[in-house]
């Protein structure tokens, strides 16, 4: 249940801006719909993202942004590099297909990048920022994520961020019109904290 998510509230989370070495992550607005539609309207993206339709139009982007503003069950950040939108990253608070969460709210990391921005480390950088935000601001003990088994690049991002493989599941993909096998991953608070501590010690040594 959304009302069970601890402070800060989802409304406060949606207003947050995150910054990394190369990226700014902020709430998408109606001023971004042309850029979102241009980036998302690619079958290679839609086929690896469960809920993106293809083709993806400006009307789809408008509906998406308005749903977020109306209190949708997602905390979503537009990813910008040098003030240019390049993709999306966020947390979906809905209960994912095939996941048995009896005692706590489900939280699932998701992301996509425009094709021109693949292979440059932006996905890992954006994902790490949102993962840190999640564990620092919310009192939940794990984050889940998934990648199609035919998408090794997405799996690589998750493994770089410390996610551990937990099995294979079937999820429906709107652009495919069918279900597809997905590698499921989980990241616990303990693993995240250990990685943060290790990275901090490595930076002090360098």
N, C-alpha and C. Protein backbone atom coordinates (compact mmCIF):
# COMPACT_ATOMS: atom_id res chain seq x y z
N UNK A 1 0.83 -1.19 0.00
CA UNK A 1 0.00 0.00 0.00
C UNK A 1 0.88 1.25 0.00
N UNK A 2 0.52 2.22 -0.79
CA UNK A 2 1.32 3.43 -0.87
C UNK A 2 1.37 4.16 0.46
N UNK A 3 0.27 4.12 1.22
CA UNK A 3 0.27 4.87 2.47
C UNK A 3 1.24 4.28 3.49
N UNK A 4 1.72 3.07 3.24
CA UNK A 4 2.66 2.45 4.17
C UNK A 4 4.11 2.83 3.89
N UNK A 5 4.39 3.54 2.78
CA UNK A 5 5.75 3.93 2.47
C UNK A 5 6.18 5.01 3.46
N UNK A 6 7.33 4.84 4.13
CA UNK A 6 7.76 5.78 5.14
C UNK A 6 8.23 7.10 4.55
N UNK A 7 8.44 8.08 5.43
CA UNK A 7 8.90 9.38 4.98
C UNK A 7 10.30 9.28 4.41
N UNK A 8 10.70 10.15 3.47
CA UNK A 8 9.89 11.19 2.88
C UNK A 8 8.77 10.61 2.02
N UNK A 9 7.69 11.38 1.86
CA UNK A 9 6.55 10.88 1.10
C UNK A 9 6.91 10.81 -0.38
N UNK A 10 6.06 10.10 -1.13
CA UNK A 10 6.29 10.03 -2.57
C UNK A 10 6.18 11.40 -3.21
N UNK A 11 5.32 12.27 -2.69
CA UNK A 11 5.21 13.62 -3.23
C UNK A 11 6.53 14.36 -3.08
N UNK A 12 7.15 14.24 -1.91
CA UNK A 12 8.45 14.88 -1.70
C UNK A 12 9.51 14.25 -2.60
N UNK A 13 9.43 12.94 -2.78
CA UNK A 13 10.40 12.26 -3.62
C UNK A 13 10.32 12.74 -5.06
N UNK A 14 9.12 12.97 -5.56
CA UNK A 14 8.96 13.39 -6.94
C UNK A 14 9.54 14.78 -7.19
N UNK A 15 9.66 15.60 -6.14
CA UNK A 15 10.18 16.95 -6.30
C UNK A 15 11.70 16.99 -6.17
N UNK A 16 12.32 15.86 -5.88
CA UNK A 16 13.75 15.80 -5.61
C UNK A 16 14.55 15.91 -6.91
N UNK A 17 15.73 16.52 -6.82
CA UNK A 17 16.68 16.57 -7.93
C UNK A 17 17.97 15.88 -7.46
N UNK A 18 18.46 14.94 -8.27
CA UNK A 18 19.69 14.22 -7.95
C UNK A 18 20.76 14.63 -8.97
N UNK A 19 21.99 14.76 -8.51
CA UNK A 19 23.09 15.12 -9.40
C UNK A 19 24.23 14.13 -9.24
N UNK A 20 24.82 13.75 -10.37
CA UNK A 20 26.00 12.88 -10.39
C UNK A 20 27.11 13.63 -11.12
N UNK A 21 28.20 12.94 -11.37
CA UNK A 21 29.34 13.58 -12.05
C UNK A 21 28.94 14.15 -13.41
N UNK A 22 28.12 13.40 -14.16
CA UNK A 22 27.76 13.83 -15.51
C UNK A 22 26.28 14.11 -15.71
N UNK A 23 25.46 13.74 -14.77
CA UNK A 23 24.01 13.73 -14.98
C UNK A 23 23.25 14.56 -13.96
N UNK A 24 22.09 15.04 -14.39
CA UNK A 24 21.09 15.62 -13.49
C UNK A 24 19.82 14.79 -13.64
N UNK A 25 19.24 14.38 -12.52
CA UNK A 25 18.01 13.60 -12.51
C UNK A 25 16.93 14.45 -11.86
N UNK A 26 15.84 14.69 -12.59
CA UNK A 26 14.78 15.56 -12.10
C UNK A 26 13.42 15.04 -12.55
N UNK A 27 12.39 15.63 -11.97
CA UNK A 27 11.02 15.25 -12.32
C UNK A 27 10.71 15.67 -13.76
N UNK A 28 10.16 14.78 -14.58
CA UNK A 28 9.75 15.18 -15.92
C UNK A 28 8.51 16.07 -15.87
N UNK A 29 8.42 17.02 -16.81
CA UNK A 29 7.29 17.95 -16.88
C UNK A 29 6.72 17.91 -18.29
N UNK A 30 5.61 18.61 -18.47
CA UNK A 30 4.99 18.67 -19.80
C UNK A 30 5.90 19.33 -20.82
N UNK A 31 6.83 20.15 -20.36
CA UNK A 31 7.78 20.77 -21.29
C UNK A 31 8.74 19.74 -21.90
N UNK A 32 8.79 18.55 -21.31
CA UNK A 32 9.71 17.51 -21.77
C UNK A 32 9.09 16.50 -22.72
N UNK A 33 7.79 16.63 -23.02
CA UNK A 33 7.10 15.54 -23.72
C UNK A 33 7.67 15.29 -25.11
N UNK A 34 8.08 16.33 -25.84
CA UNK A 34 8.65 16.11 -27.17
C UNK A 34 9.94 15.30 -27.09
N UNK A 35 10.79 15.66 -26.13
CA UNK A 35 12.06 14.95 -25.97
C UNK A 35 11.82 13.51 -25.53
N UNK A 36 10.88 13.30 -24.60
CA UNK A 36 10.58 11.95 -24.12
C UNK A 36 10.08 11.08 -25.28
N UNK A 37 9.14 11.62 -26.05
CA UNK A 37 8.58 10.85 -27.17
C UNK A 37 9.65 10.54 -28.21
N UNK A 38 10.51 11.50 -28.50
CA UNK A 38 11.57 11.27 -29.48
C UNK A 38 12.51 10.15 -29.03
N UNK A 39 12.87 10.16 -27.74
CA UNK A 39 13.79 9.16 -27.22
C UNK A 39 13.13 7.78 -27.13
N UNK A 40 11.88 7.75 -26.65
CA UNK A 40 11.22 6.48 -26.36
C UNK A 40 10.66 5.79 -27.59
N UNK A 41 10.51 6.51 -28.69
CA UNK A 41 9.87 5.93 -29.88
C UNK A 41 10.87 5.11 -30.68
N UNK A 42 11.34 4.05 -30.08
CA UNK A 42 12.30 3.14 -30.72
C UNK A 42 11.99 1.73 -30.24
N UNK A 43 11.75 0.84 -31.17
CA UNK A 43 11.35 -0.52 -30.80
C UNK A 43 12.39 -1.21 -29.94
N UNK A 44 13.67 -0.88 -30.15
CA UNK A 44 14.73 -1.52 -29.36
C UNK A 44 14.59 -1.18 -27.88
N UNK A 45 14.05 -0.03 -27.57
CA UNK A 45 13.81 0.35 -26.17
C UNK A 45 12.53 -0.33 -25.68
N UNK A 46 11.46 -0.20 -26.46
CA UNK A 46 10.16 -0.71 -26.03
C UNK A 46 10.20 -2.21 -25.78
N UNK A 47 10.94 -2.95 -26.59
CA UNK A 47 10.97 -4.41 -26.44
C UNK A 47 11.70 -4.85 -25.18
N UNK A 48 12.41 -3.95 -24.54
CA UNK A 48 13.11 -4.29 -23.30
C UNK A 48 12.55 -3.56 -22.09
N UNK A 49 11.41 -2.91 -22.26
CA UNK A 49 10.77 -2.16 -21.19
C UNK A 49 9.31 -2.59 -21.13
N UNK A 50 8.87 -3.08 -20.01
CA UNK A 50 7.60 -3.80 -19.96
C UNK A 50 6.39 -2.98 -20.40
N UNK A 51 6.32 -1.71 -19.98
CA UNK A 51 5.08 -0.97 -20.21
C UNK A 51 5.15 0.06 -21.33
N UNK A 52 6.29 0.25 -21.97
CA UNK A 52 6.37 1.22 -23.07
C UNK A 52 5.70 0.65 -24.32
N UNK A 53 4.73 1.37 -24.89
CA UNK A 53 4.15 0.92 -26.16
C UNK A 53 5.07 1.30 -27.33
N UNK A 54 4.81 0.70 -28.47
CA UNK A 54 5.49 1.12 -29.69
C UNK A 54 4.49 1.09 -30.83
N UNK A 55 4.36 2.17 -31.60
CA UNK A 55 5.12 3.42 -31.46
C UNK A 55 4.75 4.19 -30.19
N UNK A 56 5.65 5.08 -29.78
CA UNK A 56 5.45 5.92 -28.59
C UNK A 56 5.30 7.36 -29.06
N UNK A 57 4.14 7.95 -28.81
CA UNK A 57 3.80 9.26 -29.35
C UNK A 57 3.89 10.34 -28.27
N UNK A 58 3.75 11.59 -28.71
CA UNK A 58 3.71 12.69 -27.74
C UNK A 58 2.50 12.56 -26.83
N UNK A 59 1.40 12.04 -27.34
CA UNK A 59 0.22 11.83 -26.48
C UNK A 59 0.54 10.82 -25.37
N UNK A 60 1.31 9.78 -25.70
CA UNK A 60 1.72 8.83 -24.66
C UNK A 60 2.57 9.52 -23.60
N UNK A 61 3.47 10.40 -24.04
CA UNK A 61 4.33 11.11 -23.10
C UNK A 61 3.51 12.06 -22.23
N UNK A 62 2.53 12.73 -22.83
CA UNK A 62 1.66 13.62 -22.06
C UNK A 62 0.90 12.84 -20.99
N UNK A 63 0.32 11.71 -21.38
CA UNK A 63 -0.42 10.89 -20.41
C UNK A 63 0.50 10.43 -19.28
N UNK A 64 1.73 10.05 -19.62
CA UNK A 64 2.69 9.59 -18.62
C UNK A 64 3.02 10.69 -17.62
N UNK A 65 3.34 11.88 -18.11
CA UNK A 65 3.71 12.99 -17.23
C UNK A 65 2.52 13.41 -16.37
N UNK A 66 1.35 13.44 -16.95
CA UNK A 66 0.16 13.82 -16.18
C UNK A 66 -0.16 12.80 -15.10
N UNK A 67 0.04 11.52 -15.40
CA UNK A 67 -0.19 10.48 -14.39
C UNK A 67 0.77 10.64 -13.22
N UNK A 68 2.01 10.99 -13.50
CA UNK A 68 2.96 11.23 -12.42
C UNK A 68 2.51 12.41 -11.56
N UNK A 69 2.06 13.47 -12.22
CA UNK A 69 1.62 14.65 -11.48
C UNK A 69 0.37 14.40 -10.66
N UNK A 70 -0.43 13.42 -11.08
CA UNK A 70 -1.67 13.11 -10.37
C UNK A 70 -1.45 12.13 -9.23
N UNK A 71 -0.20 11.78 -8.97
CA UNK A 71 0.07 10.87 -7.85
C UNK A 71 0.19 9.43 -8.26
N UNK A 72 0.76 9.19 -9.44
CA UNK A 72 0.96 7.81 -9.88
C UNK A 72 1.90 7.05 -8.96
N UNK A 73 1.90 5.74 -9.11
CA UNK A 73 2.66 4.88 -8.19
C UNK A 73 4.10 4.68 -8.65
N UNK A 74 4.71 5.76 -9.07
CA UNK A 74 6.11 5.71 -9.49
C UNK A 74 6.83 6.97 -9.04
N UNK A 75 8.11 6.82 -8.72
CA UNK A 75 8.99 7.95 -8.51
C UNK A 75 9.95 7.96 -9.68
N UNK A 76 9.78 8.90 -10.60
CA UNK A 76 10.48 8.87 -11.88
C UNK A 76 11.35 10.11 -12.04
N UNK A 77 12.54 9.90 -12.58
CA UNK A 77 13.46 10.99 -12.86
C UNK A 77 13.79 11.00 -14.35
N UNK A 78 13.72 12.19 -14.95
CA UNK A 78 14.26 12.38 -16.29
C UNK A 78 15.77 12.52 -16.16
N UNK A 79 16.51 11.78 -16.97
CA UNK A 79 17.97 11.83 -16.95
C UNK A 79 18.43 12.87 -17.96
N UNK A 80 19.24 13.83 -17.50
CA UNK A 80 19.80 14.85 -18.39
C UNK A 80 21.32 14.80 -18.36
N UNK A 81 21.92 14.96 -19.53
CA UNK A 81 23.37 15.12 -19.67
C UNK A 81 23.61 16.43 -20.40
N UNK A 82 24.31 17.35 -19.75
CA UNK A 82 24.52 18.69 -20.33
C UNK A 82 23.20 19.34 -20.73
N UNK A 83 22.20 19.23 -19.83
CA UNK A 83 20.87 19.84 -20.00
C UNK A 83 20.07 19.22 -21.13
N UNK A 84 20.51 18.07 -21.64
CA UNK A 84 19.79 17.39 -22.71
C UNK A 84 19.19 16.09 -22.18
N UNK A 85 17.87 15.88 -22.31
CA UNK A 85 17.27 14.62 -21.86
C UNK A 85 17.83 13.44 -22.63
N UNK A 86 18.17 12.37 -21.89
CA UNK A 86 18.71 11.17 -22.54
C UNK A 86 17.97 9.89 -22.13
N UNK A 87 17.06 9.96 -21.15
CA UNK A 87 16.35 8.75 -20.75
C UNK A 87 15.59 8.95 -19.45
N UNK A 88 15.20 7.83 -18.85
CA UNK A 88 14.42 7.83 -17.61
C UNK A 88 14.96 6.80 -16.65
N UNK A 89 14.80 7.08 -15.37
CA UNK A 89 15.12 6.10 -14.33
C UNK A 89 14.17 6.35 -13.17
N UNK A 90 13.83 5.30 -12.44
CA UNK A 90 12.92 5.52 -11.32
C UNK A 90 12.60 4.26 -10.56
N UNK A 91 11.66 4.43 -9.63
CA UNK A 91 11.22 3.34 -8.77
C UNK A 91 9.72 3.17 -8.93
N UNK A 92 9.31 1.96 -9.20
CA UNK A 92 7.90 1.61 -9.32
C UNK A 92 7.48 0.95 -8.02
N UNK A 93 6.45 1.51 -7.38
CA UNK A 93 6.01 1.01 -6.08
C UNK A 93 4.90 -0.02 -6.19
N UNK A 94 4.50 -0.37 -7.39
CA UNK A 94 3.47 -1.39 -7.56
C UNK A 94 4.03 -2.77 -7.30
N UNK A 95 3.15 -3.71 -7.03
CA UNK A 95 3.58 -5.09 -6.84
C UNK A 95 3.86 -5.72 -8.19
N UNK A 96 5.10 -6.08 -8.50
CA UNK A 96 5.43 -6.65 -9.81
C UNK A 96 4.82 -8.04 -9.99
N UNK A 97 4.63 -8.41 -11.25
CA UNK A 97 4.13 -9.75 -11.56
C UNK A 97 5.09 -10.80 -11.01
N UNK A 98 4.53 -11.82 -10.38
CA UNK A 98 5.33 -12.96 -9.97
C UNK A 98 6.10 -12.77 -8.67
N UNK A 99 5.99 -11.60 -8.02
CA UNK A 99 6.72 -11.34 -6.79
C UNK A 99 5.78 -11.46 -5.60
N UNK A 100 6.15 -12.23 -4.62
CA UNK A 100 5.31 -12.44 -3.45
C UNK A 100 5.80 -11.54 -2.31
N UNK A 101 5.22 -10.35 -2.23
CA UNK A 101 5.59 -9.40 -1.17
C UNK A 101 4.41 -9.34 -0.18
N UNK A 102 4.52 -10.10 0.87
CA UNK A 102 3.41 -10.15 1.82
C UNK A 102 3.54 -9.10 2.92
N UNK A 103 4.77 -8.75 3.28
CA UNK A 103 4.96 -7.95 4.48
C UNK A 103 5.37 -6.50 4.22
N UNK A 104 5.82 -6.20 3.01
CA UNK A 104 6.29 -4.84 2.78
C UNK A 104 6.00 -4.40 1.36
N UNK A 105 6.08 -3.10 1.18
CA UNK A 105 5.83 -2.52 -0.12
C UNK A 105 6.87 -2.97 -1.12
N UNK A 106 6.43 -3.26 -2.34
CA UNK A 106 7.37 -3.61 -3.40
C UNK A 106 7.99 -2.35 -3.96
N UNK A 107 9.26 -2.41 -4.25
CA UNK A 107 9.95 -1.30 -4.89
C UNK A 107 10.84 -1.88 -5.97
N UNK A 108 10.63 -1.43 -7.23
CA UNK A 108 11.35 -2.00 -8.36
C UNK A 108 12.05 -0.89 -9.13
N UNK A 109 13.35 -1.06 -9.34
CA UNK A 109 14.13 -0.13 -10.13
C UNK A 109 13.88 -0.37 -11.62
N UNK A 110 13.71 0.72 -12.36
CA UNK A 110 13.57 0.62 -13.80
C UNK A 110 14.30 1.77 -14.48
N UNK A 111 14.67 1.56 -15.73
CA UNK A 111 15.40 2.61 -16.45
C UNK A 111 15.38 2.32 -17.94
N UNK A 112 15.56 3.36 -18.73
CA UNK A 112 15.82 3.20 -20.15
C UNK A 112 16.56 4.44 -20.64
N UNK A 113 17.36 4.25 -21.67
CA UNK A 113 18.11 5.34 -22.29
C UNK A 113 17.81 5.39 -23.78
N UNK A 114 17.84 6.60 -24.34
CA UNK A 114 17.77 6.73 -25.79
C UNK A 114 18.93 5.98 -26.44
N UNK A 115 18.68 5.39 -27.59
CA UNK A 115 19.66 4.51 -28.23
C UNK A 115 21.00 5.22 -28.47
N UNK A 116 20.96 6.50 -28.82
CA UNK A 116 22.20 7.23 -29.08
C UNK A 116 23.08 7.37 -27.85
N UNK A 117 22.53 7.06 -26.68
CA UNK A 117 23.26 7.25 -25.43
C UNK A 117 23.65 5.93 -24.78
N UNK A 118 23.48 4.82 -25.50
CA UNK A 118 23.88 3.52 -24.98
C UNK A 118 25.41 3.40 -24.98
N UNK A 119 25.91 2.56 -24.10
CA UNK A 119 27.32 2.21 -24.11
C UNK A 119 28.27 3.26 -23.58
N UNK A 120 27.75 4.24 -22.83
CA UNK A 120 28.60 5.31 -22.31
C UNK A 120 28.61 5.36 -20.77
N UNK A 121 27.99 4.37 -20.14
CA UNK A 121 27.97 4.32 -18.68
C UNK A 121 26.89 5.16 -18.03
N UNK A 122 26.04 5.79 -18.82
CA UNK A 122 25.00 6.65 -18.24
C UNK A 122 23.97 5.84 -17.45
N UNK A 123 23.63 4.65 -17.93
CA UNK A 123 22.64 3.84 -17.24
C UNK A 123 23.10 3.46 -15.85
N UNK A 124 24.34 3.02 -15.73
CA UNK A 124 24.89 2.65 -14.42
C UNK A 124 24.96 3.86 -13.50
N UNK A 125 25.38 4.98 -14.03
CA UNK A 125 25.52 6.20 -13.22
C UNK A 125 24.16 6.66 -12.70
N UNK A 126 23.16 6.65 -13.55
CA UNK A 126 21.81 7.06 -13.13
C UNK A 126 21.21 6.06 -12.14
N UNK A 127 21.39 4.77 -12.42
CA UNK A 127 20.84 3.76 -11.52
C UNK A 127 21.46 3.86 -10.13
N UNK A 128 22.76 4.05 -10.06
CA UNK A 128 23.42 4.17 -8.75
C UNK A 128 22.88 5.36 -7.96
N UNK A 129 22.62 6.47 -8.64
CA UNK A 129 22.10 7.64 -7.95
C UNK A 129 20.73 7.36 -7.34
N UNK A 130 19.87 6.67 -8.08
CA UNK A 130 18.53 6.38 -7.58
C UNK A 130 18.57 5.30 -6.49
N UNK A 131 19.47 4.33 -6.64
CA UNK A 131 19.63 3.31 -5.60
C UNK A 131 20.07 3.95 -4.29
N UNK A 132 21.06 4.83 -4.35
CA UNK A 132 21.51 5.53 -3.14
C UNK A 132 20.37 6.32 -2.53
N UNK A 133 19.64 7.02 -3.36
CA UNK A 133 18.50 7.81 -2.88
C UNK A 133 17.48 6.91 -2.18
N UNK A 134 17.18 5.79 -2.80
CA UNK A 134 16.19 4.88 -2.23
C UNK A 134 16.58 4.40 -0.84
N UNK A 135 17.80 3.89 -0.69
CA UNK A 135 18.21 3.35 0.61
C UNK A 135 18.48 4.44 1.65
N UNK A 136 18.86 5.61 1.21
CA UNK A 136 19.12 6.69 2.16
C UNK A 136 17.84 7.35 2.66
N UNK A 137 16.79 7.34 1.85
CA UNK A 137 15.59 8.10 2.18
C UNK A 137 14.39 7.24 2.58
N UNK A 138 14.40 5.96 2.25
CA UNK A 138 13.25 5.10 2.55
C UNK A 138 13.68 3.94 3.42
N UNK A 139 12.82 3.60 4.36
CA UNK A 139 13.14 2.56 5.33
C UNK A 139 12.66 1.20 4.82
N UNK A 140 13.17 0.81 3.68
CA UNK A 140 12.87 -0.50 3.11
C UNK A 140 14.18 -1.25 2.93
N UNK A 141 14.11 -2.59 2.99
CA UNK A 141 15.32 -3.39 3.08
C UNK A 141 15.81 -3.97 1.76
N UNK A 142 15.02 -3.86 0.70
CA UNK A 142 15.52 -4.38 -0.57
C UNK A 142 14.83 -3.72 -1.74
N UNK A 143 15.53 -3.76 -2.85
CA UNK A 143 15.06 -3.21 -4.11
C UNK A 143 15.16 -4.34 -5.13
N UNK A 144 14.18 -4.45 -5.99
CA UNK A 144 14.21 -5.49 -7.01
C UNK A 144 14.36 -4.85 -8.38
N UNK A 145 14.72 -5.65 -9.37
CA UNK A 145 14.85 -5.18 -10.74
C UNK A 145 14.83 -6.39 -11.66
N UNK A 146 14.69 -6.14 -12.95
CA UNK A 146 14.67 -7.23 -13.90
C UNK A 146 15.24 -6.80 -15.24
N UNK A 147 15.73 -7.75 -16.00
CA UNK A 147 16.25 -7.51 -17.34
C UNK A 147 15.88 -8.70 -18.21
N UNK A 148 15.39 -8.45 -19.42
CA UNK A 148 15.12 -9.57 -20.32
C UNK A 148 16.38 -10.40 -20.50
N UNK A 149 16.21 -11.70 -20.61
CA UNK A 149 17.38 -12.56 -20.73
C UNK A 149 18.16 -12.30 -22.01
N UNK A 150 17.52 -11.64 -22.98
CA UNK A 150 18.21 -11.30 -24.23
C UNK A 150 18.82 -9.89 -24.18
N UNK A 151 18.86 -9.30 -23.00
CA UNK A 151 19.38 -7.94 -22.85
C UNK A 151 20.56 -7.94 -21.87
N UNK A 152 21.74 -8.44 -22.29
CA UNK A 152 22.88 -8.52 -21.37
C UNK A 152 23.37 -7.16 -20.91
N UNK A 153 23.16 -6.11 -21.68
CA UNK A 153 23.62 -4.78 -21.27
C UNK A 153 22.90 -4.33 -20.01
N UNK A 154 21.59 -4.58 -19.93
CA UNK A 154 20.83 -4.20 -18.74
C UNK A 154 21.24 -5.05 -17.55
N UNK A 155 21.45 -6.33 -17.79
CA UNK A 155 21.93 -7.21 -16.71
C UNK A 155 23.27 -6.71 -16.18
N UNK A 156 24.14 -6.25 -17.06
CA UNK A 156 25.44 -5.76 -16.66
C UNK A 156 25.32 -4.53 -15.76
N UNK A 157 24.39 -3.64 -16.08
CA UNK A 157 24.15 -2.47 -15.23
C UNK A 157 23.76 -2.91 -13.82
N UNK A 158 22.82 -3.84 -13.73
CA UNK A 158 22.35 -4.29 -12.41
C UNK A 158 23.47 -4.95 -11.62
N UNK A 159 24.27 -5.76 -12.27
CA UNK A 159 25.36 -6.43 -11.56
C UNK A 159 26.41 -5.43 -11.09
N UNK A 160 26.70 -4.41 -11.90
CA UNK A 160 27.63 -3.36 -11.48
C UNK A 160 27.12 -2.62 -10.24
N UNK A 161 25.80 -2.52 -10.12
CA UNK A 161 25.20 -1.83 -8.98
C UNK A 161 25.02 -2.72 -7.75
N UNK A 162 25.44 -3.98 -7.83
CA UNK A 162 25.39 -4.87 -6.69
C UNK A 162 24.20 -5.79 -6.62
N UNK A 163 23.31 -5.74 -7.61
CA UNK A 163 22.16 -6.64 -7.61
C UNK A 163 22.61 -8.08 -7.77
N UNK A 164 21.88 -8.98 -7.12
CA UNK A 164 22.18 -10.40 -7.17
C UNK A 164 21.03 -11.14 -7.85
N UNK A 165 21.40 -12.01 -8.77
CA UNK A 165 20.41 -12.75 -9.54
C UNK A 165 19.57 -13.63 -8.63
N UNK A 166 18.26 -13.66 -8.85
CA UNK A 166 17.38 -14.45 -7.98
C UNK A 166 16.50 -15.43 -8.75
N UNK A 167 16.66 -15.50 -10.07
CA UNK A 167 15.87 -16.47 -10.82
C UNK A 167 15.37 -15.89 -12.13
N UNK A 168 14.59 -16.69 -12.84
CA UNK A 168 14.00 -16.26 -14.11
C UNK A 168 12.49 -16.26 -13.96
N UNK A 169 11.86 -15.18 -14.43
CA UNK A 169 10.41 -15.04 -14.36
C UNK A 169 9.87 -14.70 -15.74
N UNK A 170 8.57 -14.85 -15.91
CA UNK A 170 7.91 -14.42 -17.13
C UNK A 170 7.16 -13.12 -16.87
N UNK A 171 7.41 -12.11 -17.70
CA UNK A 171 6.70 -10.84 -17.60
C UNK A 171 6.16 -10.45 -18.96
N UNK A 172 5.03 -9.80 -18.96
CA UNK A 172 4.42 -9.36 -20.21
C UNK A 172 5.03 -8.03 -20.64
N UNK A 173 5.33 -7.91 -21.93
CA UNK A 173 5.87 -6.69 -22.52
C UNK A 173 4.86 -6.15 -23.51
N UNK A 174 4.43 -4.91 -23.28
CA UNK A 174 3.36 -4.34 -24.11
C UNK A 174 3.76 -4.29 -25.57
N UNK A 175 4.99 -3.88 -25.86
CA UNK A 175 5.41 -3.74 -27.25
C UNK A 175 5.49 -5.08 -27.96
N UNK A 176 5.75 -6.15 -27.22
CA UNK A 176 5.82 -7.48 -27.80
C UNK A 176 4.43 -8.10 -27.95
N UNK A 177 3.51 -7.67 -27.11
CA UNK A 177 2.19 -8.28 -27.10
C UNK A 177 2.19 -9.68 -26.53
N UNK A 178 3.21 -10.01 -25.75
CA UNK A 178 3.34 -11.35 -25.18
C UNK A 178 4.28 -11.29 -23.98
N UNK A 179 4.47 -12.43 -23.34
CA UNK A 179 5.38 -12.52 -22.21
C UNK A 179 6.76 -12.97 -22.67
N UNK A 180 7.77 -12.62 -21.87
CA UNK A 180 9.14 -12.94 -22.21
C UNK A 180 9.90 -13.27 -20.94
N UNK A 181 10.89 -14.18 -20.99
CA UNK A 181 11.68 -14.49 -19.80
C UNK A 181 12.51 -13.28 -19.34
N UNK A 182 12.53 -13.09 -18.04
CA UNK A 182 13.24 -11.97 -17.43
C UNK A 182 14.13 -12.48 -16.31
N UNK A 183 15.40 -12.08 -16.32
CA UNK A 183 16.27 -12.34 -15.18
C UNK A 183 15.88 -11.41 -14.04
N UNK A 184 15.55 -12.00 -12.90
CA UNK A 184 15.15 -11.20 -11.74
C UNK A 184 16.34 -10.98 -10.81
N UNK A 185 16.41 -9.80 -10.23
CA UNK A 185 17.51 -9.43 -9.36
C UNK A 185 16.98 -8.77 -8.09
N UNK A 186 17.76 -8.89 -7.02
CA UNK A 186 17.46 -8.22 -5.76
C UNK A 186 18.72 -7.57 -5.22
N UNK A 187 18.55 -6.41 -4.61
CA UNK A 187 19.64 -5.72 -3.92
C UNK A 187 19.19 -5.44 -2.50
N UNK A 188 19.89 -6.02 -1.52
CA UNK A 188 19.53 -5.81 -0.12
C UNK A 188 20.23 -4.58 0.42
N UNK A 189 19.67 -4.04 1.49
CA UNK A 189 20.29 -2.89 2.14
C UNK A 189 21.70 -3.25 2.62
N UNK A 190 21.89 -4.46 3.12
CA UNK A 190 23.19 -4.87 3.62
C UNK A 190 24.25 -4.88 2.53
N UNK A 191 23.91 -5.44 1.36
CA UNK A 191 24.86 -5.46 0.25
C UNK A 191 25.15 -4.04 -0.22
N UNK A 192 24.10 -3.22 -0.34
CA UNK A 192 24.31 -1.83 -0.76
C UNK A 192 25.24 -1.10 0.20
N UNK A 193 25.01 -1.26 1.53
CA UNK A 193 25.85 -0.58 2.51
C UNK A 193 27.29 -1.06 2.44
N UNK A 194 27.49 -2.35 2.22
CA UNK A 194 28.85 -2.89 2.11
C UNK A 194 29.57 -2.31 0.90
N UNK A 195 28.87 -2.22 -0.23
CA UNK A 195 29.47 -1.66 -1.43
C UNK A 195 29.79 -0.18 -1.26
N UNK A 196 28.91 0.56 -0.60
CA UNK A 196 29.17 1.98 -0.34
C UNK A 196 30.40 2.14 0.52
N UNK A 197 30.53 1.31 1.54
CA UNK A 197 31.68 1.39 2.44
C UNK A 197 32.96 1.04 1.70
N UNK A 198 32.92 0.01 0.86
CA UNK A 198 34.10 -0.40 0.10
C UNK A 198 34.53 0.68 -0.88
N UNK A 199 33.56 1.27 -1.59
CA UNK A 199 33.88 2.31 -2.54
C UNK A 199 34.46 3.55 -1.85
N UNK A 200 33.95 3.86 -0.67
CA UNK A 200 34.46 5.02 0.07
C UNK A 200 35.90 4.78 0.50
N UNK A 201 36.20 3.56 0.94
CA UNK A 201 37.57 3.26 1.37
C UNK A 201 38.52 3.27 0.18
N UNK A 202 38.09 2.83 -0.99
CA UNK A 202 38.92 2.85 -2.18
C UNK A 202 39.23 4.28 -2.61
N UNK A 203 38.23 5.17 -2.48
CA UNK A 203 38.48 6.56 -2.84
C UNK A 203 39.47 7.21 -1.89
N UNK A 204 39.40 6.85 -0.61
CA UNK A 204 40.35 7.44 0.35
C UNK A 204 41.77 6.96 0.09
N UNK A 205 41.90 5.74 -0.41
CA UNK A 205 43.23 5.18 -0.67
C UNK A 205 43.85 5.77 -1.95
N UNK A 206 43.02 6.21 -2.88
CA UNK A 206 43.54 6.68 -4.17
C UNK A 206 44.02 8.13 -4.11
